[in-house]
Structures are given as C-alpha cells and as structure tokens.
Amino acid sequence: MPSQDIKLSVGDYVVYPTHGVGLVQSLEEQTIGEAKLNMVVVNFEQEKMVLRVPVHKIATSGMRKLSTKDVMKSALTTLKGRARVRRTMWSRRAQEYEAKINSGDPVSIAEVVRDLHTRVGQADQSYSERQLYEAALDRLSRELAAVEGVEPDQATTKIEKVLEAA
C-alpha cells in the first residue's frame, strides 16, 4: 500500500487508481488562501489530463509508484488462469469489475482482463463487457509498458499472446 513517505521525482511514473499511469511533471508549492501546499503535478497523456495532488494526500489518494517487475510477472501469470465468471447478475459483476479496475492493483486488473477475454467459440461480448475489457486491458498495458520500458502497443501484444496461450 502507498505510504505518506513516498518519494517522487520529476520524470517518475506513478499509478493513480482511477486514471492509471501518469508521469510526474513537476513538484511545486501553491498558495491556496492562506495555506501553502506542496503539490505533485502528474500528467496523464492518454486522458489529456493534469492532476495536482497535495503531497500530504498521496497516501489517502492511493497514488503509488509503478509496480515492480515481480508484481507485473504475477499479473501476467494471473492471465494464464481459468476465467472465473460468476453466475450473478451482470450489473453486480460489472460493478465488481469496475472496482477492480479502479483499485489500481495490476493483479486485480489482470483478473478482469482474464475473465472478460473472449476465446474462439464463445458467444460475443455485450458492449458493456467489451468496454470494461478494453479499459482493463489498456490500464494493464500502460503499466506493463512503463515497467518494461516499451510502447503500450507492444505491452498489449504481449498480454494478448499470454491470453491466447492460456
């Protein structure tokens, strides 16, 4: 879990649970009213968004440094497992998938990718299943790309190969 003593530098990649991978653009001090706040400015290029997080709120925001190669290896291993599709109502499963995607945890996101990945011979996915699958795949690909220092499309290809081989 993230801790308040997370040390960030300009150029570091971070993961913000609801937005995915971003790049620390700057560390700055802002005066808001009478208070001076130290802020971390994170650029999420994919979403064309800049987020300013007060340093003292990093721990409670869930923002963290990139996962280690071991955590990403564990996420890729999760993709090889058997899909666990529960027979609950779709709306309930969709909420659970959304929560896993927004958790920012690569292994949880990999579970969503695995569970929603359609294999040859299976019925087509609904629009909402496809949207959740693509969101999870994108989030996992971006973190894998940042961890391995490759382009996101190369990471997506690697993930898809693991899924097809499973």
N, C-alpha and C. Protein backbone atom coordinates (compact mmCIF):
# COMPACT_ATOMS: atom_id res chain seq x y z
N MET A 1 0.84 -1.19 0.00
CA MET A 1 0.00 0.00 0.00
C MET A 1 0.88 1.24 0.00
N PRO A 2 0.37 2.34 -0.59
CA PRO A 2 1.17 3.56 -0.61
C PRO A 2 1.34 4.11 0.79
N SER A 3 2.45 4.73 1.02
CA SER A 3 2.67 5.36 2.32
C SER A 3 2.94 6.83 2.12
N GLN A 4 2.81 7.58 3.21
CA GLN A 4 2.99 9.02 3.10
C GLN A 4 4.42 9.39 2.78
N ASP A 5 5.36 8.50 3.04
CA ASP A 5 6.75 8.84 2.78
C ASP A 5 7.20 8.42 1.38
N ILE A 6 6.27 8.31 0.44
CA ILE A 6 6.61 8.01 -0.95
C ILE A 6 7.44 9.18 -1.49
N LYS A 7 8.59 8.85 -2.04
CA LYS A 7 9.49 9.89 -2.58
C LYS A 7 9.33 9.92 -4.09
N LEU A 8 8.90 11.04 -4.60
CA LEU A 8 8.70 11.19 -6.04
C LEU A 8 9.63 12.25 -6.59
N SER A 9 10.04 12.04 -7.82
CA SER A 9 10.89 12.99 -8.52
C SER A 9 10.27 13.28 -9.88
N VAL A 10 10.60 14.42 -10.44
CA VAL A 10 10.14 14.75 -11.79
C VAL A 10 10.65 13.66 -12.73
N GLY A 11 9.76 13.16 -13.58
CA GLY A 11 10.11 12.10 -14.52
C GLY A 11 9.74 10.71 -14.04
N ASP A 12 9.32 10.58 -12.77
CA ASP A 12 8.88 9.28 -12.25
C ASP A 12 7.50 8.95 -12.82
N TYR A 13 7.29 7.67 -13.08
CA TYR A 13 5.95 7.21 -13.43
C TYR A 13 5.24 6.82 -12.14
N VAL A 14 3.96 7.17 -12.05
CA VAL A 14 3.14 6.80 -10.90
C VAL A 14 1.84 6.21 -11.41
N VAL A 15 1.14 5.53 -10.52
CA VAL A 15 -0.17 4.99 -10.85
C VAL A 15 -1.18 5.63 -9.92
N TYR A 16 -2.19 6.24 -10.51
CA TYR A 16 -3.30 6.80 -9.74
C TYR A 16 -4.47 5.86 -10.01
N PRO A 17 -5.07 5.28 -8.96
CA PRO A 17 -6.04 4.20 -9.16
C PRO A 17 -7.11 4.44 -10.23
N THR A 18 -7.73 5.59 -10.25
CA THR A 18 -8.82 5.79 -11.20
C THR A 18 -8.37 6.32 -12.56
N HIS A 19 -7.08 6.62 -12.73
CA HIS A 19 -6.61 7.17 -14.00
C HIS A 19 -5.49 6.38 -14.65
N GLY A 20 -4.87 5.46 -13.91
CA GLY A 20 -3.80 4.67 -14.49
C GLY A 20 -2.43 5.31 -14.35
N VAL A 21 -1.58 5.09 -15.35
CA VAL A 21 -0.19 5.52 -15.31
C VAL A 21 -0.06 6.97 -15.75
N GLY A 22 0.66 7.74 -14.94
CA GLY A 22 0.93 9.14 -15.27
C GLY A 22 2.40 9.44 -15.00
N LEU A 23 2.85 10.56 -15.53
CA LEU A 23 4.24 10.98 -15.39
C LEU A 23 4.30 12.21 -14.49
N VAL A 24 5.17 12.16 -13.46
CA VAL A 24 5.33 13.31 -12.58
C VAL A 24 5.98 14.42 -13.41
N GLN A 25 5.20 15.48 -13.61
CA GLN A 25 5.63 16.59 -14.44
C GLN A 25 6.43 17.60 -13.63
N SER A 26 5.98 17.85 -12.41
CA SER A 26 6.69 18.80 -11.55
C SER A 26 6.26 18.62 -10.10
N LEU A 27 7.09 19.18 -9.22
CA LEU A 27 6.78 19.27 -7.80
C LEU A 27 6.76 20.77 -7.52
N GLU A 28 5.64 21.26 -7.01
CA GLU A 28 5.54 22.71 -6.85
C GLU A 28 4.83 23.07 -5.57
N GLU A 29 5.04 24.31 -5.17
CA GLU A 29 4.35 24.84 -3.99
C GLU A 29 3.28 25.79 -4.49
N GLN A 30 2.07 25.62 -4.00
CA GLN A 30 0.98 26.51 -4.37
C GLN A 30 0.40 27.14 -3.11
N THR A 31 -0.02 28.38 -3.24
CA THR A 31 -0.67 29.05 -2.13
C THR A 31 -2.16 29.08 -2.43
N ILE A 32 -2.91 28.47 -1.54
CA ILE A 32 -4.36 28.45 -1.68
C ILE A 32 -4.92 29.10 -0.43
N GLY A 33 -5.49 30.28 -0.62
CA GLY A 33 -5.93 31.06 0.55
C GLY A 33 -4.70 31.44 1.35
N GLU A 34 -4.69 31.08 2.61
CA GLU A 34 -3.55 31.37 3.50
C GLU A 34 -2.56 30.20 3.54
N ALA A 35 -2.96 29.06 3.03
CA ALA A 35 -2.14 27.86 3.16
C ALA A 35 -1.21 27.66 1.97
N LYS A 36 -0.01 27.20 2.30
CA LYS A 36 0.95 26.82 1.26
C LYS A 36 0.95 25.29 1.20
N LEU A 37 0.75 24.78 -0.01
CA LEU A 37 0.70 23.33 -0.19
C LEU A 37 1.77 22.88 -1.17
N ASN A 38 2.45 21.80 -0.82
CA ASN A 38 3.37 21.16 -1.75
C ASN A 38 2.55 20.20 -2.60
N MET A 39 2.67 20.34 -3.91
CA MET A 39 1.87 19.56 -4.84
C MET A 39 2.75 18.72 -5.75
N VAL A 40 2.22 17.55 -6.10
CA VAL A 40 2.81 16.71 -7.14
C VAL A 40 1.93 16.90 -8.36
N VAL A 41 2.51 17.31 -9.48
CA VAL A 41 1.75 17.53 -10.70
C VAL A 41 2.00 16.33 -11.62
N VAL A 42 0.91 15.60 -11.91
CA VAL A 42 1.01 14.37 -12.70
C VAL A 42 0.28 14.56 -14.03
N ASN A 43 0.97 14.23 -15.11
CA ASN A 43 0.38 14.34 -16.45
C ASN A 43 -0.05 12.95 -16.91
N PHE A 44 -1.34 12.83 -17.26
CA PHE A 44 -1.88 11.60 -17.83
C PHE A 44 -2.10 11.87 -19.30
N GLU A 45 -1.09 11.55 -20.11
CA GLU A 45 -1.11 11.88 -21.53
C GLU A 45 -2.29 11.23 -22.25
N GLN A 46 -2.56 9.97 -21.94
CA GLN A 46 -3.65 9.23 -22.59
C GLN A 46 -5.00 9.95 -22.41
N GLU A 47 -5.23 10.46 -21.20
CA GLU A 47 -6.50 11.12 -20.90
C GLU A 47 -6.44 12.62 -21.14
N LYS A 48 -5.28 13.11 -21.58
CA LYS A 48 -5.09 14.54 -21.79
C LYS A 48 -5.51 15.32 -20.55
N MET A 49 -4.93 14.91 -19.41
CA MET A 49 -5.32 15.46 -18.13
C MET A 49 -4.09 15.69 -17.26
N VAL A 50 -4.13 16.75 -16.47
CA VAL A 50 -3.09 17.01 -15.49
C VAL A 50 -3.76 17.01 -14.12
N LEU A 51 -3.17 16.29 -13.18
CA LEU A 51 -3.73 16.17 -11.84
C LEU A 51 -2.73 16.73 -10.85
N ARG A 52 -3.21 17.56 -9.93
CA ARG A 52 -2.37 18.09 -8.86
C ARG A 52 -2.81 17.45 -7.56
N VAL A 53 -1.86 16.74 -6.92
CA VAL A 53 -2.18 16.05 -5.68
C VAL A 53 -1.31 16.64 -4.57
N PRO A 54 -1.94 17.13 -3.49
CA PRO A 54 -1.13 17.62 -2.37
C PRO A 54 -0.29 16.46 -1.81
N VAL A 55 0.97 16.74 -1.51
CA VAL A 55 1.89 15.70 -1.04
C VAL A 55 1.31 14.98 0.17
N HIS A 56 0.67 15.71 1.07
CA HIS A 56 0.14 15.07 2.27
C HIS A 56 -1.09 14.19 1.99
N LYS A 57 -1.62 14.24 0.77
CA LYS A 57 -2.78 13.42 0.40
C LYS A 57 -2.41 12.22 -0.46
N ILE A 58 -1.12 12.04 -0.75
CA ILE A 58 -0.71 10.94 -1.62
C ILE A 58 -1.17 9.60 -1.06
N ALA A 59 -0.94 9.37 0.22
CA ALA A 59 -1.29 8.07 0.82
C ALA A 59 -2.80 7.80 0.73
N THR A 60 -3.61 8.78 1.05
CA THR A 60 -5.06 8.55 1.05
C THR A 60 -5.64 8.54 -0.36
N SER A 61 -4.92 9.11 -1.33
CA SER A 61 -5.42 9.11 -2.72
C SER A 61 -5.21 7.75 -3.39
N GLY A 62 -4.30 6.95 -2.84
CA GLY A 62 -4.00 5.66 -3.44
C GLY A 62 -2.91 5.74 -4.49
N MET A 63 -2.39 6.93 -4.74
CA MET A 63 -1.32 7.06 -5.73
C MET A 63 -0.10 6.28 -5.25
N ARG A 64 0.56 5.61 -6.20
CA ARG A 64 1.73 4.80 -5.86
C ARG A 64 2.73 4.83 -6.99
N LYS A 65 3.94 4.38 -6.68
CA LYS A 65 4.95 4.22 -7.72
C LYS A 65 4.56 3.02 -8.58
N LEU A 66 5.20 2.88 -9.73
CA LEU A 66 4.94 1.73 -10.60
C LEU A 66 5.18 0.43 -9.86
N SER A 67 4.50 -0.59 -10.29
CA SER A 67 4.72 -1.92 -9.73
C SER A 67 6.11 -2.41 -10.09
N THR A 68 6.58 -3.37 -9.32
CA THR A 68 7.87 -3.99 -9.62
C THR A 68 7.68 -5.00 -10.76
N LYS A 69 8.78 -5.44 -11.32
CA LYS A 69 8.71 -6.46 -12.37
C LYS A 69 8.08 -7.75 -11.83
N ASP A 70 8.33 -8.05 -10.55
CA ASP A 70 7.74 -9.26 -9.95
C ASP A 70 6.22 -9.16 -9.86
N VAL A 71 5.70 -7.99 -9.51
CA VAL A 71 4.25 -7.81 -9.44
C VAL A 71 3.64 -7.94 -10.83
N MET A 72 4.30 -7.37 -11.83
CA MET A 72 3.79 -7.47 -13.20
C MET A 72 3.87 -8.92 -13.69
N LYS A 73 4.90 -9.65 -13.28
CA LYS A 73 5.02 -11.07 -13.64
C LYS A 73 3.85 -11.84 -13.02
N SER A 74 3.51 -11.50 -11.80
CA SER A 74 2.38 -12.15 -11.12
C SER A 74 1.07 -11.83 -11.85
N ALA A 75 0.93 -10.59 -12.33
CA ALA A 75 -0.27 -10.20 -13.08
C ALA A 75 -0.35 -11.00 -14.38
N LEU A 76 0.78 -11.16 -15.06
CA LEU A 76 0.79 -11.94 -16.31
C LEU A 76 0.47 -13.41 -16.03
N THR A 77 0.93 -13.93 -14.90
CA THR A 77 0.61 -15.30 -14.50
C THR A 77 -0.90 -15.44 -14.26
N THR A 78 -1.50 -14.42 -13.67
CA THR A 78 -2.95 -14.41 -13.42
C THR A 78 -3.72 -14.56 -14.73
N LEU A 79 -3.20 -13.98 -15.81
CA LEU A 79 -3.86 -14.06 -17.11
C LEU A 79 -3.96 -15.50 -17.61
N LYS A 80 -3.02 -16.34 -17.17
CA LYS A 80 -2.98 -17.73 -17.63
C LYS A 80 -4.00 -18.61 -16.93
N GLY A 81 -4.56 -18.12 -15.83
CA GLY A 81 -5.52 -18.91 -15.06
C GLY A 81 -6.85 -19.09 -15.78
N ARG A 82 -7.68 -19.89 -15.18
CA ARG A 82 -9.01 -20.15 -15.74
C ARG A 82 -9.93 -18.97 -15.41
N ALA A 83 -10.69 -18.54 -16.41
CA ALA A 83 -11.62 -17.42 -16.21
C ALA A 83 -12.65 -17.81 -15.15
N ARG A 84 -12.90 -16.88 -14.24
CA ARG A 84 -13.88 -17.12 -13.18
C ARG A 84 -15.07 -16.20 -13.40
N VAL A 85 -16.03 -16.68 -14.13
CA VAL A 85 -17.23 -15.88 -14.38
C VAL A 85 -18.33 -16.41 -13.47
N ARG A 86 -18.68 -15.58 -12.51
CA ARG A 86 -19.73 -15.98 -11.58
C ARG A 86 -21.09 -15.80 -12.24
N ARG A 87 -22.04 -16.53 -11.77
CA ARG A 87 -23.38 -16.51 -12.36
C ARG A 87 -24.29 -15.49 -11.68
N THR A 88 -23.71 -14.40 -11.21
CA THR A 88 -24.53 -13.34 -10.62
C THR A 88 -25.02 -12.41 -11.74
N MET A 89 -25.89 -11.52 -11.39
CA MET A 89 -26.42 -10.58 -12.39
C MET A 89 -25.28 -9.75 -12.97
N TRP A 90 -25.42 -9.42 -14.26
CA TRP A 90 -24.36 -8.67 -14.94
C TRP A 90 -24.08 -7.34 -14.24
N SER A 91 -25.11 -6.65 -13.78
CA SER A 91 -24.88 -5.34 -13.15
C SER A 91 -23.97 -5.46 -11.93
N ARG A 92 -24.14 -6.53 -11.15
CA ARG A 92 -23.31 -6.77 -9.97
C ARG A 92 -21.87 -7.10 -10.39
N ARG A 93 -21.71 -7.97 -11.40
CA ARG A 93 -20.37 -8.31 -11.88
C ARG A 93 -19.69 -7.08 -12.47
N ALA A 94 -20.45 -6.26 -13.20
CA ALA A 94 -19.87 -5.05 -13.81
C ALA A 94 -19.34 -4.12 -12.72
N GLN A 95 -20.08 -3.98 -11.63
CA GLN A 95 -19.61 -3.14 -10.52
C GLN A 95 -18.32 -3.70 -9.92
N GLU A 96 -18.27 -5.02 -9.77
CA GLU A 96 -17.07 -5.65 -9.22
C GLU A 96 -15.87 -5.46 -10.15
N TYR A 97 -16.11 -5.62 -11.45
CA TYR A 97 -15.02 -5.42 -12.42
C TYR A 97 -14.53 -3.97 -12.39
N GLU A 98 -15.47 -3.05 -12.35
CA GLU A 98 -15.12 -1.61 -12.30
C GLU A 98 -14.29 -1.31 -11.06
N ALA A 99 -14.68 -1.88 -9.92
CA ALA A 99 -13.94 -1.66 -8.67
C ALA A 99 -12.52 -2.22 -8.78
N LYS A 100 -12.38 -3.39 -9.42
CA LYS A 100 -11.04 -3.97 -9.59
C LYS A 100 -10.18 -3.09 -10.50
N ILE A 101 -10.77 -2.59 -11.58
CA ILE A 101 -10.01 -1.72 -12.50
C ILE A 101 -9.57 -0.46 -11.76
N ASN A 102 -10.48 0.14 -11.00
CA ASN A 102 -10.17 1.39 -10.32
C ASN A 102 -9.33 1.21 -9.06
N SER A 103 -9.09 -0.06 -8.67
CA SER A 103 -8.24 -0.30 -7.50
C SER A 103 -6.79 0.06 -7.81
N GLY A 104 -6.43 -0.02 -9.10
CA GLY A 104 -5.06 0.26 -9.49
C GLY A 104 -4.12 -0.92 -9.29
N ASP A 105 -4.62 -2.03 -8.73
CA ASP A 105 -3.79 -3.21 -8.49
C ASP A 105 -3.66 -4.02 -9.77
N PRO A 106 -2.44 -4.21 -10.29
CA PRO A 106 -2.27 -4.91 -11.57
C PRO A 106 -2.82 -6.34 -11.56
N VAL A 107 -2.72 -7.04 -10.44
CA VAL A 107 -3.22 -8.42 -10.39
C VAL A 107 -4.75 -8.42 -10.49
N SER A 108 -5.41 -7.50 -9.80
CA SER A 108 -6.88 -7.40 -9.88
C SER A 108 -7.32 -7.01 -11.29
N ILE A 109 -6.58 -6.11 -11.91
CA ILE A 109 -6.90 -5.69 -13.28
C ILE A 109 -6.70 -6.87 -14.23
N ALA A 110 -5.64 -7.65 -14.00
CA ALA A 110 -5.39 -8.84 -14.83
C ALA A 110 -6.53 -9.84 -14.69
N GLU A 111 -7.13 -9.95 -13.50
CA GLU A 111 -8.27 -10.84 -13.31
C GLU A 111 -9.44 -10.41 -14.21
N VAL A 112 -9.67 -9.11 -14.31
CA VAL A 112 -10.75 -8.60 -15.16
C VAL A 112 -10.45 -8.92 -16.63
N VAL A 113 -9.20 -8.67 -17.05
CA VAL A 113 -8.81 -8.97 -18.43
C VAL A 113 -9.02 -10.45 -18.72
N ARG A 114 -8.55 -11.30 -17.82
CA ARG A 114 -8.69 -12.75 -17.99
C ARG A 114 -10.17 -13.16 -18.06
N ASP A 115 -10.98 -12.66 -17.13
CA ASP A 115 -12.38 -13.07 -17.05
C ASP A 115 -13.21 -12.58 -18.24
N LEU A 116 -12.85 -11.44 -18.82
CA LEU A 116 -13.64 -10.89 -19.92
C LEU A 116 -13.06 -11.17 -21.30
N HIS A 117 -11.90 -11.80 -21.33
CA HIS A 117 -11.28 -12.13 -22.62
C HIS A 117 -12.10 -13.21 -23.31
N THR A 118 -12.52 -12.93 -24.53
CA THR A 118 -13.32 -13.92 -25.26
C THR A 118 -12.39 -14.83 -26.05
N ARG A 119 -12.68 -16.09 -25.99
CA ARG A 119 -11.91 -17.07 -26.74
C ARG A 119 -12.74 -17.52 -27.94
N VAL A 120 -12.06 -18.10 -28.91
CA VAL A 120 -12.72 -18.60 -30.10
C VAL A 120 -13.80 -19.60 -29.69
N GLY A 121 -15.00 -19.45 -30.25
CA GLY A 121 -16.08 -20.37 -29.96
C GLY A 121 -17.04 -19.88 -28.88
N GLN A 122 -16.66 -18.81 -28.16
CA GLN A 122 -17.55 -18.27 -27.14
C GLN A 122 -18.48 -17.24 -27.76
N ALA A 123 -19.61 -17.04 -27.13
CA ALA A 123 -20.56 -16.03 -27.61
C ALA A 123 -19.91 -14.65 -27.55
N ASP A 124 -20.36 -13.77 -28.42
CA ASP A 124 -19.83 -12.41 -28.44
C ASP A 124 -20.14 -11.69 -27.13
N GLN A 125 -19.26 -10.76 -26.79
CA GLN A 125 -19.47 -9.96 -25.59
C GLN A 125 -20.48 -8.86 -25.86
N SER A 126 -21.13 -8.42 -24.79
CA SER A 126 -22.00 -7.26 -24.90
C SER A 126 -21.12 -6.01 -25.00
N TYR A 127 -21.73 -4.91 -25.34
CA TYR A 127 -20.99 -3.64 -25.45
C TYR A 127 -20.34 -3.29 -24.11
N SER A 128 -21.07 -3.43 -23.02
CA SER A 128 -20.52 -3.05 -21.72
C SER A 128 -19.39 -3.98 -21.28
N GLU A 129 -19.49 -5.28 -21.62
CA GLU A 129 -18.40 -6.21 -21.31
C GLU A 129 -17.15 -5.80 -22.09
N ARG A 130 -17.35 -5.48 -23.36
CA ARG A 130 -16.22 -5.07 -24.21
C ARG A 130 -15.56 -3.80 -23.67
N GLN A 131 -16.38 -2.83 -23.23
CA GLN A 131 -15.85 -1.57 -22.70
C GLN A 131 -14.99 -1.83 -21.45
N LEU A 132 -15.50 -2.68 -20.56
CA LEU A 132 -14.75 -3.00 -19.34
C LEU A 132 -13.46 -3.75 -19.69
N TYR A 133 -13.55 -4.68 -20.62
CA TYR A 133 -12.37 -5.43 -21.05
C TYR A 133 -11.31 -4.48 -21.60
N GLU A 134 -11.73 -3.59 -22.48
CA GLU A 134 -10.77 -2.66 -23.09
C GLU A 134 -10.17 -1.71 -22.07
N ALA A 135 -10.97 -1.26 -21.11
CA ALA A 135 -10.46 -0.37 -20.05
C ALA A 135 -9.41 -1.10 -19.21
N ALA A 136 -9.71 -2.35 -18.85
CA ALA A 136 -8.77 -3.13 -18.04
C ALA A 136 -7.50 -3.45 -18.83
N LEU A 137 -7.66 -3.84 -20.09
CA LEU A 137 -6.50 -4.15 -20.94
C LEU A 137 -5.61 -2.92 -21.11
N ASP A 138 -6.23 -1.77 -21.34
CA ASP A 138 -5.48 -0.53 -21.51
C ASP A 138 -4.71 -0.18 -20.23
N ARG A 139 -5.37 -0.28 -19.08
CA ARG A 139 -4.74 0.05 -17.81
C ARG A 139 -3.56 -0.88 -17.54
N LEU A 140 -3.75 -2.18 -17.77
CA LEU A 140 -2.68 -3.16 -17.54
C LEU A 140 -1.54 -2.96 -18.53
N SER A 141 -1.88 -2.70 -19.79
CA SER A 141 -0.85 -2.50 -20.83
C SER A 141 0.01 -1.28 -20.54
N ARG A 142 -0.61 -0.21 -20.08
CA ARG A 142 0.15 1.02 -19.82
C ARG A 142 1.13 0.84 -18.67
N GLU A 143 0.70 0.12 -17.63
CA GLU A 143 1.64 -0.09 -16.52
C GLU A 143 2.74 -1.06 -16.94
N LEU A 144 2.40 -2.12 -17.65
CA LEU A 144 3.41 -3.07 -18.13
C LEU A 144 4.40 -2.35 -19.04
N ALA A 145 3.91 -1.49 -19.92
CA ALA A 145 4.78 -0.73 -20.82
C ALA A 145 5.76 0.15 -20.04
N ALA A 146 5.24 0.83 -19.01
CA ALA A 146 6.09 1.72 -18.22
C ALA A 146 7.13 0.92 -17.43
N VAL A 147 6.72 -0.22 -16.87
CA VAL A 147 7.63 -1.05 -16.09
C VAL A 147 8.74 -1.63 -16.99
N GLU A 148 8.35 -2.08 -18.19
CA GLU A 148 9.33 -2.73 -19.08
C GLU A 148 10.02 -1.76 -20.03
N GLY A 149 9.59 -0.49 -20.05
CA GLY A 149 10.22 0.49 -20.91
C GLY A 149 9.94 0.27 -22.39
N VAL A 150 8.71 -0.17 -22.70
CA VAL A 150 8.32 -0.40 -24.09
C VAL A 150 7.09 0.45 -24.41
N GLU A 151 6.68 0.44 -25.66
CA GLU A 151 5.49 1.17 -26.06
C GLU A 151 4.24 0.41 -25.60
N PRO A 152 3.16 1.13 -25.30
CA PRO A 152 1.93 0.46 -24.85
C PRO A 152 1.40 -0.61 -25.81
N ASP A 153 1.54 -0.38 -27.13
CA ASP A 153 1.03 -1.39 -28.07
C ASP A 153 1.87 -2.68 -28.01
N GLN A 154 3.16 -2.57 -27.70
CA GLN A 154 3.99 -3.77 -27.53
C GLN A 154 3.55 -4.53 -26.28
N ALA A 155 3.22 -3.80 -25.22
CA ALA A 155 2.75 -4.43 -23.98
C ALA A 155 1.40 -5.11 -24.21
N THR A 156 0.52 -4.46 -24.98
CA THR A 156 -0.78 -5.05 -25.29
C THR A 156 -0.60 -6.35 -26.06
N THR A 157 0.31 -6.35 -27.03
CA THR A 157 0.59 -7.55 -27.81
C THR A 157 1.08 -8.68 -26.90
N LYS A 158 1.96 -8.35 -25.96
CA LYS A 158 2.49 -9.35 -25.03
C LYS A 158 1.35 -9.95 -24.19
N ILE A 159 0.47 -9.09 -23.68
CA ILE A 159 -0.67 -9.55 -22.88
C ILE A 159 -1.58 -10.45 -23.70
N GLU A 160 -1.87 -10.04 -24.93
CA GLU A 160 -2.76 -10.83 -25.79
C GLU A 160 -2.15 -12.19 -26.12
N LYS A 161 -0.83 -12.25 -26.28
CA LYS A 161 -0.16 -13.53 -26.54
C LYS A 161 -0.29 -14.45 -25.33
N VAL A 162 -0.14 -13.89 -24.12
CA VAL A 162 -0.31 -14.69 -22.90
C VAL A 162 -1.73 -15.22 -22.81
N LEU A 163 -2.73 -14.38 -23.15
CA LEU A 163 -4.13 -14.79 -23.10
C LEU A 163 -4.41 -15.90 -24.11
N GLU A 164 -3.87 -15.77 -25.32
CA GLU A 164 -4.12 -16.77 -26.36
C GLU A 164 -3.45 -18.10 -26.03
N ALA A 165 -2.31 -18.04 -25.35
CA ALA A 165 -1.59 -19.26 -25.00
C ALA A 165 -2.23 -19.99 -23.81
N ALA A 166 -3.04 -19.28 -23.05
CA ALA A 166 -3.64 -19.87 -21.83
C ALA A 166 -4.67 -20.94 -22.17
